[in-house]
N, C-alpha and C. Protein backbone atom coordinates (compact mmCIF):
# COMPACT_ATOMS: atom_id res chain seq x y z
N UNK A 1 131.84 -8.81 148.31
CA UNK A 1 133.02 -8.19 148.02
C UNK A 1 132.76 -7.51 146.82
N UNK A 2 131.93 -7.29 146.13
CA UNK A 2 131.58 -6.45 144.79
C UNK A 2 131.34 -4.93 145.71
N UNK A 3 130.59 -5.18 146.79
CA UNK A 3 130.24 -3.96 147.35
C UNK A 3 131.66 -3.01 148.04
N UNK A 4 132.44 -3.82 148.63
CA UNK A 4 133.64 -3.49 148.65
C UNK A 4 134.39 -2.99 147.92
N UNK A 5 134.53 -2.95 146.79
CA UNK A 5 135.50 -2.46 145.57
C UNK A 5 134.84 -1.60 144.90
N UNK A 6 133.12 -1.38 145.38
CA UNK A 6 132.37 -0.38 144.58
C UNK A 6 132.55 0.76 145.35
N UNK A 7 133.18 0.38 147.02
CA UNK A 7 133.06 1.90 147.50
C UNK A 7 134.68 2.33 147.24
N UNK A 8 135.29 1.21 147.44
CA UNK A 8 136.63 1.84 147.58
C UNK A 8 137.31 2.88 145.71
N UNK A 9 136.23 2.38 144.89
CA UNK A 9 136.01 3.01 143.38
C UNK A 9 135.83 4.42 144.05
N UNK A 10 134.18 4.23 144.46
CA UNK A 10 134.02 5.79 144.57
C UNK A 10 134.72 6.45 145.63
N UNK A 11 135.68 6.13 146.78
CA UNK A 11 136.23 6.68 147.41
C UNK A 11 137.61 7.41 146.73
N UNK A 12 138.28 6.64 145.82
CA UNK A 12 138.95 6.93 145.04
C UNK A 12 138.85 8.34 143.96
N UNK A 13 137.44 7.72 143.37
CA UNK A 13 136.76 9.15 142.47
C UNK A 13 136.83 10.41 143.03
N UNK A 14 136.08 10.32 144.45
CA UNK A 14 135.47 11.56 145.11
C UNK A 14 137.52 12.28 145.65
N UNK A 15 138.19 11.17 146.13
CA UNK A 15 139.07 12.05 146.00
C UNK A 15 140.13 12.78 144.61
N UNK A 16 139.82 12.51 143.93
CA UNK A 16 139.85 12.85 142.79
C UNK A 16 139.56 14.13 142.11
N UNK A 17 138.29 14.37 142.21
CA UNK A 17 137.78 15.44 142.28
C UNK A 17 137.92 16.34 143.31
N UNK A 18 138.44 16.50 144.54
CA UNK A 18 139.02 16.93 145.37
C UNK A 18 140.31 17.49 145.07
N UNK A 19 141.39 16.96 144.13
CA UNK A 19 141.69 17.27 144.02
C UNK A 19 142.38 18.24 142.53
N UNK A 20 141.22 17.96 141.92
CA UNK A 20 141.09 18.40 140.40
C UNK A 20 140.41 19.78 141.13
N UNK A 21 139.92 20.49 142.39
CA UNK A 21 139.13 21.17 142.37
C UNK A 21 139.88 22.12 142.91
N UNK A 22 140.72 21.85 143.59
CA UNK A 22 141.86 22.77 144.39
C UNK A 22 143.16 22.36 143.45
N UNK A 23 143.43 22.06 142.34
CA UNK A 23 144.53 22.77 141.34
C UNK A 23 143.78 23.64 140.32
N UNK A 24 142.31 23.62 140.28
CA UNK A 24 141.77 24.86 139.52
C UNK A 24 141.83 26.12 140.11
N UNK A 25 141.93 26.30 141.03
CA UNK A 25 141.64 27.58 142.39
C UNK A 25 142.65 28.43 141.72
N UNK A 26 142.84 29.31 141.03
CA UNK A 26 143.70 30.30 140.72
C UNK A 26 144.87 31.00 141.50
N UNK A 27 146.09 30.73 141.68
CA UNK A 27 147.11 31.59 142.85
C UNK A 27 147.87 32.98 142.75
N UNK A 28 147.10 33.46 141.25
CA UNK A 28 147.04 34.90 141.24
C UNK A 28 145.95 35.70 141.60
N UNK A 29 145.43 35.38 142.98
CA UNK A 29 144.63 36.16 143.67
C UNK A 29 145.27 36.94 144.25
N UNK A 30 144.20 38.79 143.89
CA UNK A 30 144.97 40.23 144.74
C UNK A 30 144.54 39.84 146.58
N UNK A 31 145.84 40.31 146.79
CA UNK A 31 145.59 40.32 148.56
C UNK A 31 144.71 41.03 148.79
N UNK A 32 144.07 40.87 149.91
CA UNK A 32 142.82 41.30 150.70
C UNK A 32 143.66 42.95 151.16
N UNK A 33 143.17 43.93 150.74
CA UNK A 33 143.51 45.37 151.51
C UNK A 33 142.13 45.56 152.34
N UNK A 34 142.49 45.78 153.51
CA UNK A 34 141.27 46.45 154.12
C UNK A 34 141.18 47.92 154.05
N UNK A 35 139.72 48.67 153.79
CA UNK A 35 140.09 50.01 153.90
C UNK A 35 140.21 50.72 154.65
N UNK A 36 140.90 51.96 154.05
CA UNK A 36 141.26 52.84 154.58
C UNK A 36 139.94 53.43 155.13
N UNK A 37 140.19 54.45 156.30
CA UNK A 37 139.42 55.09 157.28
C UNK A 37 139.73 56.35 157.02
N UNK A 38 138.61 57.41 156.80
CA UNK A 38 139.51 58.93 156.57
C UNK A 38 139.77 59.30 158.00
N UNK A 39 140.42 60.25 157.78
CA UNK A 39 140.71 61.01 159.07
C UNK A 39 140.02 61.70 159.58
N UNK A 40 140.00 61.77 161.12
CA UNK A 40 138.99 62.81 161.31
C UNK A 40 139.73 63.80 161.59
N UNK A 41 139.13 65.26 161.70
CA UNK A 41 140.12 66.07 162.65
C UNK A 41 140.22 65.98 164.34
N UNK A 42 141.13 66.45 164.56
CA UNK A 42 141.27 66.15 166.28
C UNK A 42 140.27 66.75 166.96
N UNK A 43 139.78 66.79 167.64
CA UNK A 43 138.65 67.10 168.86
C UNK A 43 139.08 68.27 169.41
N UNK A 44 137.88 69.53 169.27
CA UNK A 44 138.26 70.91 169.97
C UNK A 44 138.27 70.25 171.47
N UNK A 45 138.88 71.29 172.00
CA UNK A 45 139.09 70.84 173.65
C UNK A 45 137.85 71.81 174.09
N UNK A 46 137.01 70.82 174.74
CA UNK A 46 135.71 72.10 175.28
C UNK A 46 136.45 73.07 175.64
N UNK A 47 135.28 74.33 175.88
CA UNK A 47 135.86 75.75 176.67
C UNK A 47 134.82 75.07 177.98
N UNK A 48 135.41 76.35 179.01
CA UNK A 48 134.97 76.35 180.12
C UNK A 48 133.67 76.96 180.31
N UNK A 49 133.24 77.53 179.54
CA UNK A 49 131.79 77.93 179.71
C UNK A 49 130.87 76.94 179.27
N UNK A 50 131.37 76.30 178.13
CA UNK A 50 130.21 75.18 177.89
C UNK A 50 129.87 73.69 178.98
N UNK A 51 131.89 73.69 179.57
CA UNK A 51 131.33 72.71 180.87
C UNK A 51 130.79 73.07 181.99
N UNK A 52 130.97 74.48 182.06
CA UNK A 52 129.86 74.61 183.26
C UNK A 52 128.81 74.89 182.90
N UNK A 53 127.63 75.43 181.58
CA UNK A 53 126.57 75.13 181.25
C UNK A 53 125.99 73.48 181.79
N UNK A 54 127.19 72.55 181.25
CA UNK A 54 126.70 71.48 181.48
C UNK A 54 126.41 70.82 182.71
N UNK A 55 127.85 71.45 183.81
CA UNK A 55 127.10 70.98 185.16
C UNK A 55 126.46 71.43 186.05
N UNK A 56 125.64 72.57 185.31
CA UNK A 56 124.84 73.24 185.81
C UNK A 56 123.51 72.45 185.66
N UNK A 57 123.60 72.43 184.13
CA UNK A 57 122.18 71.29 184.17
C UNK A 57 122.22 69.94 184.51
N UNK A 58 123.38 69.43 185.09
CA UNK A 58 123.32 68.17 185.55
C UNK A 58 123.24 68.21 187.02
N UNK A 59 123.82 69.38 187.71
CA UNK A 59 123.59 69.51 188.92
C UNK A 59 122.03 69.75 189.28
N UNK A 60 121.42 70.33 188.60
CA UNK A 60 120.03 70.93 188.19
C UNK A 60 118.51 69.67 188.37
N UNK A 61 119.44 68.31 187.98
CA UNK A 61 118.50 67.47 187.99
C UNK A 61 119.24 66.10 188.47
N UNK A 62 119.47 65.97 189.77
CA UNK A 62 120.10 65.34 190.69
C UNK A 62 119.29 63.60 189.95
N UNK A 63 120.75 62.87 189.81
CA UNK A 63 120.48 61.00 189.86
C UNK A 63 119.61 60.61 190.28
N UNK A 64 119.14 60.60 191.78
CA UNK A 64 118.34 59.49 192.03
C UNK A 64 117.43 60.40 192.78
N UNK A 65 116.82 61.03 191.90
CA UNK A 65 115.49 61.84 192.63
C UNK A 65 114.33 61.24 192.31
N UNK A 66 113.42 60.66 192.77
CA UNK A 66 112.38 60.00 192.62
C UNK A 66 111.42 60.91 191.47
N UNK A 67 111.57 62.04 191.24
CA UNK A 67 111.16 63.13 190.80
C UNK A 67 111.69 63.49 189.04
N UNK A 68 112.84 63.00 189.22
CA UNK A 68 113.59 63.16 187.71
C UNK A 68 112.82 62.70 186.56
N UNK A 69 112.81 64.04 185.36
CA UNK A 69 112.27 63.48 184.55
C UNK A 69 113.23 63.77 183.48
N UNK A 70 112.83 63.56 181.86
CA UNK A 70 113.96 64.03 181.06
C UNK A 70 113.70 65.62 181.14
N UNK A 71 114.56 65.77 180.47
CA UNK A 71 115.24 67.61 180.23
C UNK A 71 114.01 68.38 179.10
N UNK A 72 113.62 67.41 178.72
CA UNK A 72 112.48 67.90 177.31
C UNK A 72 110.91 67.79 178.28
N UNK A 73 110.93 67.21 178.84
CA UNK A 73 109.59 66.62 179.27
C UNK A 73 109.20 67.89 180.76
N UNK A 74 110.69 68.44 181.05
CA UNK A 74 110.14 69.64 181.97
C UNK A 74 109.84 70.66 181.36
N UNK A 75 110.80 70.81 180.54
CA UNK A 75 109.98 71.95 179.74
C UNK A 75 109.01 72.15 178.71
N UNK A 76 108.27 71.01 178.33
CA UNK A 76 107.00 71.03 177.94
C UNK A 76 106.13 70.96 179.17
N UNK A 77 106.43 70.65 180.24
CA UNK A 77 105.98 70.72 181.20
C UNK A 77 105.55 72.45 181.55
N UNK A 78 106.73 73.12 181.26
CA UNK A 78 107.09 74.47 181.70
C UNK A 78 106.14 75.46 181.40
N UNK A 79 105.35 74.99 179.85
CA UNK A 79 105.27 75.91 178.77
C UNK A 79 104.18 77.04 179.53
N UNK A 80 103.21 76.73 180.44
CA UNK A 80 101.98 77.08 180.10
C UNK A 80 101.97 77.32 182.31
N UNK A 81 101.90 78.54 182.71
CA UNK A 81 101.64 78.38 183.79
C UNK A 81 99.95 78.52 184.76
N UNK A 82 99.46 78.71 183.36
CA UNK A 82 98.11 78.32 183.59
C UNK A 82 97.56 77.28 183.96
N UNK A 83 98.89 75.94 183.18
CA UNK A 83 98.35 74.44 183.92
C UNK A 83 98.69 73.81 184.84
N UNK A 84 97.60 73.47 185.26
CA UNK A 84 97.42 73.04 186.93
C UNK A 84 98.52 71.55 186.95
N UNK A 85 99.17 71.43 188.27
CA UNK A 85 99.69 70.28 188.20
C UNK A 85 99.46 69.18 187.94
N UNK A 86 99.83 68.28 187.48
CA UNK A 86 99.37 66.90 187.56
C UNK A 86 99.54 65.60 188.61
N UNK A 87 98.86 65.74 189.28
CA UNK A 87 99.48 65.11 190.73
C UNK A 87 99.39 63.66 190.45
N UNK A 88 98.16 62.93 189.79
CA UNK A 88 97.96 61.25 189.68
C UNK A 88 97.42 61.04 188.65
N UNK A 89 97.95 59.70 188.26
CA UNK A 89 97.23 59.20 187.17
C UNK A 89 96.51 57.52 187.37
N UNK A 90 95.02 57.88 186.99
CA UNK A 90 94.71 56.55 187.92
C UNK A 90 94.13 55.35 186.39
N UNK A 91 94.58 54.61 186.23
CA UNK A 91 94.58 53.27 185.41
C UNK A 91 93.64 52.43 186.19
N UNK A 92 92.07 51.90 185.47
CA UNK A 92 91.73 51.15 186.11
C UNK A 92 91.02 49.92 184.73
N UNK A 93 90.08 49.15 185.00
CA UNK A 93 89.42 48.37 183.66
C UNK A 93 88.64 49.27 183.52
N UNK A 94 88.07 50.19 183.89
CA UNK A 94 86.65 51.00 183.99
C UNK A 94 87.22 51.99 183.02
N UNK A 95 88.82 52.39 183.06
CA UNK A 95 88.87 53.85 181.81
C UNK A 95 90.38 54.16 183.00
N UNK A 96 90.48 55.26 181.96
CA UNK A 96 91.50 56.32 182.49
C UNK A 96 91.73 57.54 182.94
N UNK A 97 91.83 58.20 183.95
CA UNK A 97 91.84 59.48 184.76
C UNK A 97 92.93 60.18 184.67
N UNK A 98 93.45 61.58 184.96
CA UNK A 98 94.48 62.83 185.64
C UNK A 98 93.66 63.16 186.57
N UNK A 99 94.38 63.23 187.57
CA UNK A 99 94.06 64.35 188.80
C UNK A 99 95.15 65.36 188.52
N UNK A 100 94.72 66.42 188.02
CA UNK A 100 95.50 68.04 188.53
C UNK A 100 94.85 68.08 189.73
N UNK A 101 95.85 68.84 190.41
CA UNK A 101 96.20 70.44 191.40
C UNK A 101 95.04 71.26 191.62
N UNK A 102 93.84 71.25 191.68
CA UNK A 102 93.32 72.64 191.04
C UNK A 102 93.62 73.56 192.68
N UNK A 103 92.77 75.03 192.54
CA UNK A 103 92.99 75.85 192.96
C UNK A 103 92.31 75.55 194.55
N UNK A 104 92.76 75.42 195.75
CA UNK A 104 92.62 75.51 197.07
C UNK A 104 92.13 73.91 197.67
N UNK A 105 93.23 73.58 196.75
CA UNK A 105 93.78 71.87 196.69
C UNK A 105 92.30 70.90 196.43
N UNK A 106 91.20 71.43 195.81
CA UNK A 106 90.65 70.61 195.42
C UNK A 106 91.28 70.30 194.27
N UNK A 107 91.02 68.74 194.24
CA UNK A 107 91.35 67.86 193.06
C UNK A 107 90.45 68.37 191.46
N UNK A 108 91.30 68.37 190.29
CA UNK A 108 90.27 67.94 189.32
C UNK A 108 90.77 66.83 188.29
N UNK A 109 89.16 66.02 188.10
CA UNK A 109 89.37 64.07 187.55
C UNK A 109 88.85 64.67 186.66
N UNK A 110 89.65 64.71 185.16
CA UNK A 110 89.64 64.39 183.87
C UNK A 110 90.10 62.91 183.11
N UNK A 111 88.78 62.98 182.16
CA UNK A 111 88.96 61.33 181.83
C UNK A 111 89.50 62.31 180.11
N UNK A 112 89.72 61.07 179.16
CA UNK A 112 90.29 60.89 177.55
C UNK A 112 88.88 62.07 177.68
N UNK A 113 89.42 63.46 176.38
CA UNK A 113 88.39 63.97 175.87
C UNK A 113 87.94 65.25 176.91
N UNK A 114 88.56 65.21 177.98
CA UNK A 114 88.16 65.86 178.77
C UNK A 114 88.85 67.75 178.94
N UNK A 115 88.30 68.26 179.41
CA UNK A 115 89.10 69.51 179.13
C UNK A 115 89.65 70.22 180.78
N UNK A 116 91.18 70.53 180.52
CA UNK A 116 91.60 71.27 181.65
C UNK A 116 91.81 72.57 181.64
N UNK A 117 91.24 73.42 181.92
CA UNK A 117 91.87 74.76 181.52
C UNK A 117 91.98 75.32 179.62
N UNK A 118 92.81 75.68 179.07
CA UNK A 118 92.34 76.18 177.72
C UNK A 118 92.96 74.65 177.43
N UNK A 119 92.90 73.30 177.76
CA UNK A 119 93.93 72.51 177.03
C UNK A 119 92.88 70.97 177.11
N UNK A 120 92.71 70.18 175.98
CA UNK A 120 92.12 69.35 176.04
C UNK A 120 92.97 68.09 175.98
N UNK A 121 92.50 66.79 176.80
CA UNK A 121 93.45 65.78 177.22
C UNK A 121 93.54 64.91 175.74
N UNK A 122 94.34 64.31 175.61
CA UNK A 122 94.36 63.82 174.11
C UNK A 122 94.36 61.98 174.42
N UNK A 123 95.90 61.86 175.23
CA UNK A 123 96.00 60.52 175.44
C UNK A 123 96.43 60.37 177.21
N UNK A 124 96.00 59.40 178.18
CA UNK A 124 96.66 59.40 179.26
C UNK A 124 97.17 57.58 179.10
N UNK A 125 98.45 57.73 179.72
CA UNK A 125 99.39 56.60 179.96
C UNK A 125 99.87 56.70 181.04
N UNK A 126 99.99 55.12 181.77
CA UNK A 126 100.60 54.88 183.07
C UNK A 126 101.32 56.21 183.29
N UNK A 127 102.18 56.35 183.13
CA UNK A 127 103.01 57.37 183.56
C UNK A 127 103.37 58.60 182.75
N UNK A 128 102.07 59.40 182.12
CA UNK A 128 101.81 60.74 181.57
C UNK A 128 100.82 61.02 180.86
N UNK A 129 100.19 62.28 180.56
CA UNK A 129 98.97 62.09 179.90
C UNK A 129 99.43 63.72 178.91
N UNK A 130 98.92 63.28 178.03
CA UNK A 130 99.40 64.63 176.48
C UNK A 130 97.68 65.41 176.78
N UNK A 131 98.54 66.32 176.20
CA UNK A 131 97.45 67.51 176.39
C UNK A 131 97.79 68.19 175.02
N UNK A 132 96.62 69.04 174.47
CA UNK A 132 96.39 69.42 173.25
C UNK A 132 95.70 71.00 173.70
N UNK A 133 97.03 71.92 173.42
CA UNK A 133 96.24 73.90 173.85
C UNK A 133 96.85 74.40 173.22
N UNK A 134 97.01 75.93 173.80
CA UNK A 134 97.18 77.09 172.96
C UNK A 134 98.70 76.95 172.09
N UNK A 135 99.85 76.13 173.11
CA UNK A 135 100.86 75.91 172.85
C UNK A 135 101.31 75.07 172.35
N UNK A 136 100.17 74.24 171.28
CA UNK A 136 101.03 72.58 170.67
C UNK A 136 100.61 71.61 171.53
N UNK A 137 101.15 70.74 171.27
CA UNK A 137 101.16 69.16 172.06
C UNK A 137 102.17 69.62 173.29
N UNK A 138 101.62 68.74 174.46
CA UNK A 138 102.07 69.31 175.87
C UNK A 138 101.94 67.70 176.35
N UNK A 139 103.41 66.89 176.73
CA UNK A 139 103.22 66.08 177.58
C UNK A 139 103.58 66.19 178.59
N UNK A 140 102.94 65.83 180.23
CA UNK A 140 103.10 65.99 181.42
C UNK A 140 103.51 64.81 182.35
N UNK A 141 103.80 64.64 183.16
CA UNK A 141 104.10 63.51 184.27
C UNK A 141 103.63 64.07 185.38
N UNK A 142 103.60 63.50 186.38
CA UNK A 142 102.73 63.55 187.99
C UNK A 142 103.78 64.06 188.45
N UNK A 143 103.74 64.80 189.12
CA UNK A 143 104.26 65.71 190.24
C UNK A 143 104.46 65.98 191.50
N UNK A 144 105.44 65.67 192.69
CA UNK A 144 104.92 65.88 193.96
C UNK A 144 104.70 67.53 194.08
N UNK A 145 103.90 67.76 195.08
CA UNK A 145 103.29 68.80 195.73
C UNK A 145 104.68 69.73 196.51
N UNK A 146 105.14 70.89 195.68
CA UNK A 146 106.21 71.55 196.30
C UNK A 146 106.30 71.70 197.62
N UNK A 147 107.43 71.30 198.67
CA UNK A 147 107.74 71.09 199.80
C UNK A 147 107.27 69.58 200.00
N UNK A 148 106.44 68.74 199.37
CA UNK A 148 106.06 67.53 200.11
C UNK A 148 107.03 66.61 199.80
N UNK A 149 107.09 65.57 200.76
CA UNK A 149 107.86 64.63 200.66
C UNK A 149 107.38 63.52 199.42
N UNK A 150 108.67 63.07 198.75
CA UNK A 150 108.47 62.45 197.97
C UNK A 150 108.31 60.54 198.41
N UNK A 151 107.38 59.98 197.91
CA UNK A 151 106.90 58.51 198.56
C UNK A 151 107.98 57.83 198.31
N UNK A 152 107.96 56.60 198.73
CA UNK A 152 108.81 55.72 199.41
C UNK A 152 109.88 55.78 200.56
N UNK A 153 109.43 56.48 201.05
CA UNK A 153 110.69 57.00 202.53
C UNK A 153 110.04 55.71 203.31
N UNK A 154 110.87 55.27 204.26
CA UNK A 154 110.47 55.42 205.63
C UNK A 154 108.75 55.16 206.10
N UNK A 155 108.19 54.19 206.33
CA UNK A 155 107.13 54.10 207.17
C UNK A 155 106.36 54.80 208.08
N UNK A 156 105.67 54.86 208.34
CA UNK A 156 105.43 55.92 209.87
C UNK A 156 105.44 55.08 210.79
N UNK A 157 105.71 55.46 212.20
CA UNK A 157 106.05 54.07 213.26
C UNK A 157 104.78 53.22 213.66
N UNK A 158 103.96 53.96 213.49
CA UNK A 158 102.53 53.45 213.80
C UNK A 158 102.02 52.02 212.93
N UNK A 159 102.96 52.22 211.03
CA UNK A 159 103.13 51.54 210.58
C UNK A 159 103.95 50.16 210.51
N UNK A 160 104.55 50.83 211.10
CA UNK A 160 105.90 49.35 211.24
C UNK A 160 105.11 48.30 212.05
N UNK A 161 105.33 47.17 211.70
CA UNK A 161 105.27 46.29 212.54
C UNK A 161 106.35 45.96 213.87
N UNK A 162 106.12 45.40 214.76
CA UNK A 162 106.31 45.22 215.76
C UNK A 162 107.65 43.90 216.20
N UNK A 163 108.53 44.24 216.14
CA UNK A 163 109.50 43.52 215.75
C UNK A 163 110.29 43.27 217.44
N UNK A 164 110.60 41.83 217.90
CA UNK A 164 111.58 41.90 219.28
C UNK A 164 112.63 42.58 219.29
N UNK A 165 113.32 42.77 219.80
CA UNK A 165 114.66 43.37 220.33
C UNK A 165 115.23 42.13 220.52
């Protein structure tokens, strides 16, 4: 019975402490006012020339093309016309190589540290090659041969499995 009386007394003391805490809180706290946001000037309506330029950029880079690249990469790749087209990147356990389309259709295989024309190969990643040349650093991506079909189309009829009709 002593433990029950002790527990009841402890409960009363805790309840009195809670009431004292509530009464000790000052009631004259300032109201919370949300901060005011600065008013921005109304947006200017775009002129027709900027819309036309934007539309031309979007239409020049179709969304669902396999060879679509960011605009900056396309601009960097067009720095020098003497730089051959990067046609493939080979990444194996033995190393990394870049295949550039040479004159008369002969491929040129270059590894990191190698030279292609006036450019030195700095890095080769699975999707790009970084070069250093007379115009500075350039990052190129593999591109399809002009007029060539993009990969990913249907396989030739001879490669399709025979299915019963």
